[in-house]
Amino acid sequence: MKEAAVILEIIRKARRAIDEDNPRELKYLSNQVISSAAISQDPDNTILAVLIYSLGKIFERDHYRKMEGWEGIRAAIIKNLDLSAKSLEKDNLKNFRIYIGRLRNSINKISSNLKQYITDVFEKAKINKAFKLYEHGLSSEQTAAMLGVSLWDLAGYIGQSTVGEAKVAMSMPVADRIKIAEDILG
């Protein structure tokens, strides 16, 4: 991981957002991490972006809190976020990765319908964050490989988006570009 201090701060902010019941902040933090991941193409950043976005989606759904298994999953999320932060404080990337993995895998211990709902959130979050990487300029093949999503699923998401219609920042007006091209081509 290239930016351990930045990631540590993101984890601390994510933990605070959970305590304050602020799912919107979690999704905002995820977008910060994905921007960094697009530049560094660091798998730890990418995984963390998906994880934090998923947590934002999970915590914004009030009906999940009434389901069997909620308290257990919430406790596991908090515990593993805290342990991953402590690992980063000690520059222990191996344990950081273990605790982030445990956080994700803690849903496997739930026996209710909540397990399926949360699993779906994580899968959709991977595609969403792959799309965000694509928006930042990575190829669809790169993003699909980084997040372990199928190119087919990502292509379907891209096809439904308006990324092709987005305004692109230009360094020079189109008329000036055409003039330069005409001058070059003669």
N, C-alpha and C. Protein backbone atom coordinates (compact mmCIF):
# COMPACT_ATOMS: atom_id res chain seq x y z
N MET A 1 0.85 -1.17 0.00
CA MET A 1 0.00 0.00 0.00
C MET A 1 0.89 1.23 0.00
N LYS A 2 0.57 2.17 -0.85
CA LYS A 2 1.44 3.31 -1.06
C LYS A 2 1.15 4.48 -0.13
N GLU A 3 -0.06 4.63 0.33
CA GLU A 3 -0.43 5.79 1.14
C GLU A 3 -1.07 5.34 2.45
N ALA A 4 -0.31 4.67 3.29
CA ALA A 4 -0.85 4.10 4.53
C ALA A 4 -1.44 5.18 5.43
N ALA A 5 -0.79 6.32 5.54
CA ALA A 5 -1.29 7.39 6.42
C ALA A 5 -2.64 7.92 5.94
N VAL A 6 -2.77 8.06 4.63
CA VAL A 6 -4.04 8.54 4.06
C VAL A 6 -5.14 7.50 4.30
N ILE A 7 -4.81 6.24 4.06
CA ILE A 7 -5.79 5.17 4.25
C ILE A 7 -6.19 5.06 5.72
N LEU A 8 -5.22 5.22 6.62
CA LEU A 8 -5.52 5.19 8.05
C LEU A 8 -6.52 6.29 8.40
N GLU A 9 -6.32 7.47 7.85
CA GLU A 9 -7.24 8.58 8.12
C GLU A 9 -8.63 8.29 7.55
N ILE A 10 -8.70 7.67 6.39
CA ILE A 10 -9.98 7.31 5.78
C ILE A 10 -10.71 6.30 6.68
N ILE A 11 -9.97 5.32 7.19
CA ILE A 11 -10.59 4.32 8.07
C ILE A 11 -11.12 4.98 9.34
N ARG A 12 -10.34 5.88 9.91
CA ARG A 12 -10.79 6.59 11.11
C ARG A 12 -12.06 7.40 10.82
N LYS A 13 -12.09 8.06 9.67
CA LYS A 13 -13.28 8.84 9.30
C LYS A 13 -14.47 7.92 9.05
N ALA A 14 -14.22 6.77 8.45
CA ALA A 14 -15.30 5.81 8.21
C ALA A 14 -15.87 5.32 9.54
N ARG A 15 -15.01 5.04 10.46
CA ARG A 15 -15.43 4.59 11.79
C ARG A 15 -16.28 5.66 12.48
N ARG A 16 -15.84 6.91 12.36
CA ARG A 16 -16.59 8.03 12.93
C ARG A 16 -17.97 8.16 12.26
N ALA A 17 -17.99 7.98 10.95
CA ALA A 17 -19.25 8.08 10.20
C ALA A 17 -20.24 7.00 10.66
N ILE A 18 -19.73 5.82 10.96
CA ILE A 18 -20.59 4.75 11.47
C ILE A 18 -21.14 5.14 12.84
N ASP A 19 -20.27 5.64 13.71
CA ASP A 19 -20.71 6.07 15.04
C ASP A 19 -21.76 7.17 14.97
N GLU A 20 -21.60 8.06 13.99
CA GLU A 20 -22.52 9.20 13.83
C GLU A 20 -23.72 8.86 12.95
N ASP A 21 -23.78 7.60 12.49
CA ASP A 21 -24.86 7.15 11.61
C ASP A 21 -24.96 8.05 10.37
N ASN A 22 -23.84 8.17 9.67
CA ASN A 22 -23.75 9.04 8.50
C ASN A 22 -23.30 8.24 7.27
N PRO A 23 -24.22 7.47 6.66
CA PRO A 23 -23.86 6.67 5.49
C PRO A 23 -23.40 7.51 4.30
N ARG A 24 -23.90 8.72 4.18
CA ARG A 24 -23.50 9.58 3.07
C ARG A 24 -21.99 9.87 3.15
N GLU A 25 -21.49 10.08 4.35
CA GLU A 25 -20.05 10.33 4.54
C GLU A 25 -19.24 9.10 4.13
N LEU A 26 -19.75 7.92 4.39
CA LEU A 26 -19.04 6.71 3.98
C LEU A 26 -18.89 6.65 2.46
N LYS A 27 -19.95 6.97 1.75
CA LYS A 27 -19.89 6.94 0.29
C LYS A 27 -18.95 8.04 -0.24
N TYR A 28 -18.95 9.19 0.42
CA TYR A 28 -18.02 10.26 0.05
C TYR A 28 -16.57 9.80 0.25
N LEU A 29 -16.30 9.18 1.38
CA LEU A 29 -14.95 8.67 1.65
C LEU A 29 -14.54 7.64 0.61
N SER A 30 -15.48 6.80 0.21
CA SER A 30 -15.19 5.80 -0.81
C SER A 30 -14.76 6.45 -2.12
N ASN A 31 -15.42 7.54 -2.48
CA ASN A 31 -15.04 8.24 -3.71
C ASN A 31 -13.65 8.84 -3.61
N GLN A 32 -13.26 9.30 -2.41
CA GLN A 32 -11.90 9.79 -2.22
C GLN A 32 -10.89 8.68 -2.45
N VAL A 33 -11.18 7.51 -1.89
CA VAL A 33 -10.26 6.38 -2.01
C VAL A 33 -10.18 5.92 -3.46
N ILE A 34 -11.30 5.89 -4.16
CA ILE A 34 -11.29 5.39 -5.54
C ILE A 34 -10.51 6.33 -6.44
N SER A 35 -10.53 7.62 -6.15
CA SER A 35 -9.72 8.56 -6.93
C SER A 35 -8.24 8.24 -6.75
N SER A 36 -7.85 7.97 -5.53
CA SER A 36 -6.47 7.59 -5.25
C SER A 36 -6.12 6.25 -5.90
N ALA A 37 -7.06 5.32 -5.85
CA ALA A 37 -6.85 4.00 -6.45
C ALA A 37 -6.68 4.10 -7.96
N ALA A 38 -7.40 5.01 -8.58
CA ALA A 38 -7.28 5.18 -10.04
C ALA A 38 -5.88 5.65 -10.41
N ILE A 39 -5.31 6.48 -9.59
CA ILE A 39 -3.96 6.98 -9.86
C ILE A 39 -2.91 5.92 -9.56
N SER A 40 -3.00 5.33 -8.36
CA SER A 40 -1.96 4.40 -7.92
C SER A 40 -2.19 2.97 -8.43
N GLN A 41 -3.42 2.64 -8.77
CA GLN A 41 -3.83 1.30 -9.14
C GLN A 41 -3.41 0.29 -8.07
N ASP A 42 -3.50 0.74 -6.83
CA ASP A 42 -3.16 -0.06 -5.67
C ASP A 42 -4.35 -0.91 -5.29
N PRO A 43 -4.19 -2.24 -5.21
CA PRO A 43 -5.33 -3.09 -4.89
C PRO A 43 -5.91 -2.85 -3.49
N ASP A 44 -5.05 -2.47 -2.52
CA ASP A 44 -5.56 -2.18 -1.18
C ASP A 44 -6.52 -0.99 -1.20
N ASN A 45 -6.16 0.05 -1.92
CA ASN A 45 -7.05 1.21 -2.05
C ASN A 45 -8.36 0.81 -2.72
N THR A 46 -8.26 0.01 -3.74
CA THR A 46 -9.44 -0.40 -4.49
C THR A 46 -10.39 -1.22 -3.62
N ILE A 47 -9.84 -2.16 -2.89
CA ILE A 47 -10.65 -3.00 -2.00
C ILE A 47 -11.29 -2.14 -0.91
N LEU A 48 -10.52 -1.23 -0.36
CA LEU A 48 -11.05 -0.36 0.69
C LEU A 48 -12.17 0.53 0.16
N ALA A 49 -12.03 1.02 -1.07
CA ALA A 49 -13.09 1.85 -1.66
C ALA A 49 -14.39 1.06 -1.79
N VAL A 50 -14.30 -0.17 -2.24
CA VAL A 50 -15.49 -1.02 -2.37
C VAL A 50 -16.09 -1.28 -1.00
N LEU A 51 -15.24 -1.59 -0.05
CA LEU A 51 -15.70 -1.91 1.29
C LEU A 51 -16.42 -0.73 1.93
N ILE A 52 -15.82 0.44 1.86
CA ILE A 52 -16.44 1.61 2.50
C ILE A 52 -17.73 2.01 1.79
N TYR A 53 -17.74 1.91 0.47
CA TYR A 53 -18.98 2.20 -0.26
C TYR A 53 -20.08 1.22 0.14
N SER A 54 -19.71 -0.05 0.26
CA SER A 54 -20.68 -1.07 0.67
C SER A 54 -21.23 -0.77 2.06
N LEU A 55 -20.34 -0.37 2.95
CA LEU A 55 -20.79 -0.02 4.30
C LEU A 55 -21.78 1.15 4.26
N GLY A 56 -21.50 2.12 3.41
CA GLY A 56 -22.43 3.24 3.25
C GLY A 56 -23.80 2.77 2.79
N LYS A 57 -23.82 1.86 1.83
CA LYS A 57 -25.09 1.34 1.33
C LYS A 57 -25.80 0.50 2.39
N ILE A 58 -25.03 -0.27 3.15
CA ILE A 58 -25.62 -1.12 4.19
C ILE A 58 -26.22 -0.28 5.30
N PHE A 59 -25.46 0.72 5.76
CA PHE A 59 -25.92 1.52 6.89
C PHE A 59 -27.04 2.50 6.52
N GLU A 60 -27.23 2.78 5.24
CA GLU A 60 -28.32 3.68 4.87
C GLU A 60 -29.66 2.95 4.81
N ARG A 61 -29.64 1.66 4.85
CA ARG A 61 -30.87 0.88 4.76
C ARG A 61 -31.38 0.54 6.16
N ASP A 62 -32.30 1.34 6.63
CA ASP A 62 -32.80 1.20 8.00
C ASP A 62 -33.42 -0.17 8.27
N HIS A 63 -34.05 -0.76 7.27
CA HIS A 63 -34.71 -2.04 7.51
C HIS A 63 -33.72 -3.16 7.80
N TYR A 64 -32.45 -3.02 7.39
CA TYR A 64 -31.45 -4.03 7.74
C TYR A 64 -31.25 -4.08 9.26
N ARG A 65 -31.39 -2.94 9.91
CA ARG A 65 -31.14 -2.85 11.35
C ARG A 65 -32.16 -3.62 12.17
N LYS A 66 -33.27 -3.96 11.55
CA LYS A 66 -34.32 -4.70 12.25
C LYS A 66 -34.24 -6.20 11.99
N MET A 67 -33.31 -6.60 11.15
CA MET A 67 -33.22 -8.00 10.76
C MET A 67 -32.33 -8.79 11.71
N GLU A 68 -32.61 -10.08 11.76
CA GLU A 68 -31.81 -10.98 12.57
C GLU A 68 -30.36 -10.96 12.07
N GLY A 69 -29.44 -10.82 13.00
CA GLY A 69 -28.02 -10.82 12.65
C GLY A 69 -27.41 -9.44 12.54
N TRP A 70 -28.26 -8.39 12.60
CA TRP A 70 -27.74 -7.03 12.42
C TRP A 70 -26.71 -6.65 13.47
N GLU A 71 -27.02 -6.88 14.73
CA GLU A 71 -26.09 -6.47 15.79
C GLU A 71 -24.75 -7.18 15.65
N GLY A 72 -24.78 -8.43 15.27
CA GLY A 72 -23.53 -9.19 15.09
C GLY A 72 -22.69 -8.63 13.94
N ILE A 73 -23.33 -8.32 12.82
CA ILE A 73 -22.58 -7.79 11.67
C ILE A 73 -22.06 -6.40 11.98
N ARG A 74 -22.85 -5.59 12.67
CA ARG A 74 -22.40 -4.24 13.03
C ARG A 74 -21.19 -4.32 13.96
N ALA A 75 -21.25 -5.20 14.94
CA ALA A 75 -20.12 -5.36 15.88
C ALA A 75 -18.88 -5.85 15.14
N ALA A 76 -19.04 -6.78 14.20
CA ALA A 76 -17.89 -7.29 13.44
C ALA A 76 -17.28 -6.20 12.56
N ILE A 77 -18.12 -5.37 11.98
CA ILE A 77 -17.63 -4.26 11.15
C ILE A 77 -16.79 -3.31 12.00
N ILE A 78 -17.32 -2.91 13.12
CA ILE A 78 -16.63 -1.97 14.00
C ILE A 78 -15.31 -2.58 14.50
N LYS A 79 -15.38 -3.80 14.97
CA LYS A 79 -14.18 -4.47 15.51
C LYS A 79 -13.07 -4.55 14.45
N ASN A 80 -13.43 -4.97 13.25
CA ASN A 80 -12.42 -5.15 12.21
C ASN A 80 -11.91 -3.83 11.64
N LEU A 81 -12.76 -2.81 11.60
CA LEU A 81 -12.27 -1.48 11.22
C LEU A 81 -11.25 -0.99 12.25
N ASP A 82 -11.58 -1.15 13.53
CA ASP A 82 -10.66 -0.72 14.58
C ASP A 82 -9.33 -1.49 14.51
N LEU A 83 -9.41 -2.80 14.32
CA LEU A 83 -8.18 -3.60 14.25
C LEU A 83 -7.36 -3.28 13.00
N SER A 84 -8.04 -2.99 11.88
CA SER A 84 -7.29 -2.64 10.67
C SER A 84 -6.58 -1.30 10.86
N ALA A 85 -7.23 -0.36 11.55
CA ALA A 85 -6.60 0.94 11.84
C ALA A 85 -5.38 0.75 12.74
N LYS A 86 -5.53 -0.05 13.78
CA LYS A 86 -4.40 -0.31 14.68
C LYS A 86 -3.24 -0.96 13.94
N SER A 87 -3.54 -1.83 13.02
CA SER A 87 -2.50 -2.48 12.22
C SER A 87 -1.74 -1.46 11.37
N LEU A 88 -2.48 -0.55 10.76
CA LEU A 88 -1.82 0.50 9.96
C LEU A 88 -0.98 1.42 10.83
N GLU A 89 -1.46 1.72 12.04
CA GLU A 89 -0.68 2.55 12.95
C GLU A 89 0.68 1.92 13.26
N LYS A 90 0.72 0.59 13.24
CA LYS A 90 1.96 -0.15 13.52
C LYS A 90 2.69 -0.55 12.22
N ASP A 91 2.24 -0.01 11.09
CA ASP A 91 2.81 -0.34 9.78
C ASP A 91 2.78 -1.84 9.48
N ASN A 92 1.74 -2.50 9.96
CA ASN A 92 1.59 -3.93 9.75
C ASN A 92 0.55 -4.16 8.65
N LEU A 93 1.01 -4.13 7.41
CA LEU A 93 0.10 -4.26 6.27
C LEU A 93 -0.52 -5.65 6.19
N LYS A 94 0.23 -6.66 6.62
CA LYS A 94 -0.30 -8.02 6.58
C LYS A 94 -1.56 -8.12 7.44
N ASN A 95 -1.49 -7.63 8.69
CA ASN A 95 -2.66 -7.68 9.56
C ASN A 95 -3.77 -6.76 9.07
N PHE A 96 -3.40 -5.61 8.50
CA PHE A 96 -4.41 -4.72 7.92
C PHE A 96 -5.25 -5.49 6.91
N ARG A 97 -4.59 -6.18 6.02
CA ARG A 97 -5.30 -6.94 4.98
C ARG A 97 -6.14 -8.06 5.58
N ILE A 98 -5.62 -8.69 6.62
CA ILE A 98 -6.37 -9.76 7.29
C ILE A 98 -7.67 -9.21 7.87
N TYR A 99 -7.59 -8.09 8.58
CA TYR A 99 -8.79 -7.53 9.22
C TYR A 99 -9.78 -6.97 8.21
N ILE A 100 -9.29 -6.41 7.14
CA ILE A 100 -10.21 -5.95 6.09
C ILE A 100 -10.91 -7.16 5.47
N GLY A 101 -10.17 -8.23 5.26
CA GLY A 101 -10.77 -9.47 4.75
C GLY A 101 -11.79 -10.05 5.71
N ARG A 102 -11.48 -10.02 6.99
CA ARG A 102 -12.41 -10.53 8.00
C ARG A 102 -13.68 -9.70 8.04
N LEU A 103 -13.53 -8.41 7.86
CA LEU A 103 -14.71 -7.55 7.84
C LEU A 103 -15.65 -8.01 6.73
N ARG A 104 -15.10 -8.20 5.57
CA ARG A 104 -15.91 -8.63 4.42
C ARG A 104 -16.49 -10.02 4.64
N ASN A 105 -15.68 -10.90 5.23
CA ASN A 105 -16.12 -12.28 5.42
C ASN A 105 -17.05 -12.48 6.62
N SER A 106 -17.18 -11.46 7.46
CA SER A 106 -18.04 -11.60 8.63
C SER A 106 -19.49 -11.84 8.25
N ILE A 107 -19.86 -11.44 7.04
CA ILE A 107 -21.26 -11.66 6.63
C ILE A 107 -21.56 -13.14 6.41
N ASN A 108 -20.52 -13.95 6.20
CA ASN A 108 -20.75 -15.38 6.00
C ASN A 108 -21.27 -16.07 7.26
N LYS A 109 -21.14 -15.42 8.40
CA LYS A 109 -21.58 -16.00 9.66
C LYS A 109 -23.05 -15.72 9.94
N ILE A 110 -23.68 -14.90 9.12
CA ILE A 110 -25.09 -14.56 9.32
C ILE A 110 -25.94 -15.64 8.67
N SER A 111 -26.96 -16.07 9.35
CA SER A 111 -27.80 -17.14 8.80
C SER A 111 -29.13 -16.63 8.26
N SER A 112 -29.42 -15.37 8.44
CA SER A 112 -30.72 -14.84 8.01
C SER A 112 -30.65 -14.30 6.58
N ASN A 113 -31.78 -13.71 6.14
CA ASN A 113 -31.85 -13.09 4.82
C ASN A 113 -30.88 -11.92 4.69
N LEU A 114 -30.49 -11.34 5.81
CA LEU A 114 -29.57 -10.22 5.80
C LEU A 114 -28.27 -10.59 5.08
N LYS A 115 -27.84 -11.82 5.21
CA LYS A 115 -26.62 -12.28 4.55
C LYS A 115 -26.72 -12.08 3.03
N GLN A 116 -27.82 -12.49 2.44
CA GLN A 116 -27.99 -12.36 0.99
C GLN A 116 -28.06 -10.90 0.57
N TYR A 117 -28.76 -10.09 1.35
CA TYR A 117 -28.87 -8.67 1.02
C TYR A 117 -27.50 -8.00 1.04
N ILE A 118 -26.72 -8.29 2.07
CA ILE A 118 -25.41 -7.66 2.19
C ILE A 118 -24.46 -8.18 1.12
N THR A 119 -24.55 -9.46 0.80
CA THR A 119 -23.73 -10.02 -0.28
C THR A 119 -24.03 -9.30 -1.60
N ASP A 120 -25.31 -9.06 -1.86
CA ASP A 120 -25.71 -8.34 -3.08
C ASP A 120 -25.15 -6.92 -3.09
N VAL A 121 -25.17 -6.26 -1.93
CA VAL A 121 -24.63 -4.90 -1.83
C VAL A 121 -23.15 -4.91 -2.21
N PHE A 122 -22.39 -5.87 -1.68
CA PHE A 122 -20.96 -5.93 -1.99
C PHE A 122 -20.71 -6.17 -3.48
N GLU A 123 -21.49 -7.05 -4.08
CA GLU A 123 -21.30 -7.34 -5.51
C GLU A 123 -21.61 -6.11 -6.37
N LYS A 124 -22.69 -5.43 -6.06
CA LYS A 124 -23.04 -4.22 -6.81
C LYS A 124 -22.03 -3.10 -6.57
N ALA A 125 -21.49 -3.05 -5.36
CA ALA A 125 -20.49 -2.04 -5.03
C ALA A 125 -19.22 -2.25 -5.86
N LYS A 126 -18.84 -3.51 -6.07
CA LYS A 126 -17.64 -3.78 -6.89
C LYS A 126 -17.84 -3.25 -8.30
N ILE A 127 -19.00 -3.46 -8.86
CA ILE A 127 -19.26 -2.97 -10.22
C ILE A 127 -19.31 -1.45 -10.23
N ASN A 128 -19.93 -0.85 -9.22
CA ASN A 128 -19.99 0.61 -9.14
C ASN A 128 -18.59 1.21 -9.07
N LYS A 129 -17.73 0.64 -8.25
CA LYS A 129 -16.38 1.19 -8.09
C LYS A 129 -15.52 0.89 -9.33
N ALA A 130 -15.78 -0.21 -9.98
CA ALA A 130 -15.09 -0.48 -11.25
C ALA A 130 -15.46 0.60 -12.26
N PHE A 131 -16.72 0.97 -12.28
CA PHE A 131 -17.16 2.03 -13.17
C PHE A 131 -16.49 3.35 -12.82
N LYS A 132 -16.34 3.64 -11.53
CA LYS A 132 -15.66 4.87 -11.11
C LYS A 132 -14.21 4.87 -11.59
N LEU A 133 -13.55 3.73 -11.51
CA LEU A 133 -12.18 3.64 -12.02
C LEU A 133 -12.16 3.88 -13.53
N TYR A 134 -13.15 3.33 -14.21
CA TYR A 134 -13.29 3.53 -15.65
C TYR A 134 -13.48 5.02 -15.97
N GLU A 135 -14.29 5.70 -15.17
CA GLU A 135 -14.50 7.14 -15.36
C GLU A 135 -13.20 7.93 -15.17
N HIS A 136 -12.30 7.40 -14.34
CA HIS A 136 -11.03 8.06 -14.10
C HIS A 136 -9.99 7.74 -15.18
N GLY A 137 -10.38 6.96 -16.19
CA GLY A 137 -9.50 6.76 -17.32
C GLY A 137 -8.89 5.38 -17.46
N LEU A 138 -9.12 4.48 -16.53
CA LEU A 138 -8.61 3.13 -16.68
C LEU A 138 -9.47 2.39 -17.69
N SER A 139 -8.90 1.43 -18.36
CA SER A 139 -9.68 0.67 -19.34
C SER A 139 -10.67 -0.24 -18.62
N SER A 140 -11.69 -0.63 -19.33
CA SER A 140 -12.68 -1.53 -18.73
C SER A 140 -12.04 -2.86 -18.35
N GLU A 141 -11.07 -3.32 -19.14
CA GLU A 141 -10.38 -4.57 -18.81
C GLU A 141 -9.59 -4.44 -17.52
N GLN A 142 -8.89 -3.31 -17.35
CA GLN A 142 -8.12 -3.08 -16.12
C GLN A 142 -9.02 -3.05 -14.90
N THR A 143 -10.11 -2.31 -15.01
CA THR A 143 -10.99 -2.16 -13.85
C THR A 143 -11.66 -3.47 -13.50
N ALA A 144 -12.09 -4.21 -14.50
CA ALA A 144 -12.73 -5.51 -14.24
C ALA A 144 -11.74 -6.45 -13.55
N ALA A 145 -10.50 -6.45 -14.01
CA ALA A 145 -9.49 -7.31 -13.41
C ALA A 145 -9.15 -6.88 -11.98
N MET A 146 -9.04 -5.58 -11.75
CA MET A 146 -8.69 -5.08 -10.41
C MET A 146 -9.73 -5.45 -9.37
N LEU A 147 -10.99 -5.48 -9.78
CA LEU A 147 -12.05 -5.72 -8.81
C LEU A 147 -12.68 -7.10 -8.91
N GLY A 148 -12.21 -7.89 -9.85
CA GLY A 148 -12.74 -9.23 -9.95
C GLY A 148 -14.19 -9.29 -10.41
N VAL A 149 -14.57 -8.35 -11.26
CA VAL A 149 -15.92 -8.38 -11.83
C VAL A 149 -15.80 -8.80 -13.28
N SER A 150 -16.89 -9.31 -13.80
CA SER A 150 -16.84 -9.72 -15.20
C SER A 150 -16.90 -8.50 -16.10
N LEU A 151 -16.22 -8.59 -17.21
CA LEU A 151 -16.24 -7.52 -18.19
C LEU A 151 -17.66 -7.31 -18.69
N TRP A 152 -18.42 -8.38 -18.77
CA TRP A 152 -19.81 -8.33 -19.20
C TRP A 152 -20.64 -7.47 -18.25
N ASP A 153 -20.52 -7.71 -16.93
CA ASP A 153 -21.28 -6.93 -15.96
C ASP A 153 -20.86 -5.46 -16.00
N LEU A 154 -19.56 -5.22 -16.10
CA LEU A 154 -19.08 -3.84 -16.16
C LEU A 154 -19.56 -3.15 -17.43
N ALA A 155 -19.52 -3.86 -18.55
CA ALA A 155 -19.98 -3.27 -19.82
C ALA A 155 -21.46 -2.92 -19.74
N GLY A 156 -22.24 -3.75 -19.08
CA GLY A 156 -23.65 -3.46 -18.91
C GLY A 156 -23.86 -2.20 -18.08
N TYR A 157 -23.06 -2.02 -17.06
CA TYR A 157 -23.16 -0.83 -16.21
C TYR A 157 -22.72 0.40 -16.99
N ILE A 158 -21.63 0.27 -17.73
CA ILE A 158 -21.14 1.39 -18.54
C ILE A 158 -22.17 1.78 -19.59
N GLY A 159 -22.80 0.78 -20.20
CA GLY A 159 -23.80 1.05 -21.23
C GLY A 159 -25.02 1.79 -20.71
N GLN A 160 -25.33 1.62 -19.43
CA GLN A 160 -26.48 2.30 -18.83
C GLN A 160 -26.13 3.70 -18.34
N SER A 161 -24.84 4.00 -18.29
CA SER A 161 -24.40 5.28 -17.72
C SER A 161 -24.40 6.37 -18.79
N THR A 162 -24.10 7.55 -18.33
CA THR A 162 -23.97 8.68 -19.24
C THR A 162 -22.52 9.13 -19.32
N VAL A 163 -21.58 8.20 -19.05
CA VAL A 163 -20.17 8.58 -19.06
C VAL A 163 -19.74 9.12 -20.42
N GLY A 164 -20.31 8.59 -21.48
CA GLY A 164 -19.96 9.07 -22.81
C GLY A 164 -20.47 10.47 -23.09
N GLU A 165 -21.46 10.90 -22.31
CA GLU A 165 -22.04 12.22 -22.50
C GLU A 165 -21.44 13.25 -21.55
N ALA A 166 -20.51 12.81 -20.71
CA ALA A 166 -19.92 13.72 -19.73
C ALA A 166 -19.11 14.80 -20.42
N LYS A 167 -19.08 15.96 -19.80
CA LYS A 167 -18.29 17.05 -20.36
C LYS A 167 -16.82 16.81 -20.05
N VAL A 168 -16.00 16.89 -21.05
CA VAL A 168 -14.58 16.67 -20.91
C VAL A 168 -13.89 18.01 -20.84
N ALA A 169 -12.97 18.13 -19.90
CA ALA A 169 -12.23 19.38 -19.78
C ALA A 169 -11.31 19.52 -21.00
N MET A 170 -11.34 20.67 -21.62
CA MET A 170 -10.51 20.91 -22.79
C MET A 170 -9.51 22.00 -22.48
N SER A 171 -8.32 21.81 -22.98
CA SER A 171 -7.29 22.80 -22.74
C SER A 171 -7.36 23.92 -23.77
N MET A 172 -8.08 23.67 -24.86
CA MET A 172 -8.12 24.63 -25.95
C MET A 172 -9.48 24.53 -26.63
N PRO A 173 -10.06 25.65 -27.04
CA PRO A 173 -11.35 25.61 -27.72
C PRO A 173 -11.27 24.79 -29.02
N VAL A 174 -12.40 24.20 -29.38
CA VAL A 174 -12.47 23.33 -30.56
C VAL A 174 -12.04 24.08 -31.82
N ALA A 175 -12.46 25.32 -31.99
CA ALA A 175 -12.11 26.09 -33.19
C ALA A 175 -10.60 26.24 -33.32
N ASP A 176 -9.91 26.46 -32.20
CA ASP A 176 -8.45 26.58 -32.23
C ASP A 176 -7.80 25.25 -32.58
N ARG A 177 -8.38 24.16 -32.08
CA ARG A 177 -7.84 22.83 -32.41
C ARG A 177 -7.97 22.55 -33.90
N ILE A 178 -9.13 22.90 -34.45
CA ILE A 178 -9.35 22.67 -35.88
C ILE A 178 -8.36 23.49 -36.71
N LYS A 179 -8.14 24.72 -36.33
CA LYS A 179 -7.18 25.58 -37.05
C LYS A 179 -5.79 24.96 -37.02
N ILE A 180 -5.35 24.46 -35.88
CA ILE A 180 -4.03 23.84 -35.77
C ILE A 180 -3.96 22.60 -36.64
N ALA A 181 -5.03 21.79 -36.62
CA ALA A 181 -5.05 20.57 -37.45
C ALA A 181 -5.00 20.93 -38.93
N GLU A 182 -5.73 21.96 -39.33
CA GLU A 182 -5.69 22.39 -40.75
C GLU A 182 -4.31 22.87 -41.13
N ASP A 183 -3.64 23.59 -40.22
CA ASP A 183 -2.31 24.09 -40.52
C ASP A 183 -1.32 22.94 -40.66
N ILE A 184 -1.45 21.93 -39.83
CA ILE A 184 -0.55 20.77 -39.88
C ILE A 184 -0.78 19.98 -41.16
N LEU A 185 -2.05 19.77 -41.49
CA LEU A 185 -2.37 18.93 -42.65
C LEU A 185 -2.25 19.70 -43.97
N GLY A 186 -2.12 20.98 -43.84
CA GLY A 186 -1.79 21.78 -44.94
C GLY A 186 -2.67 22.28 -45.92
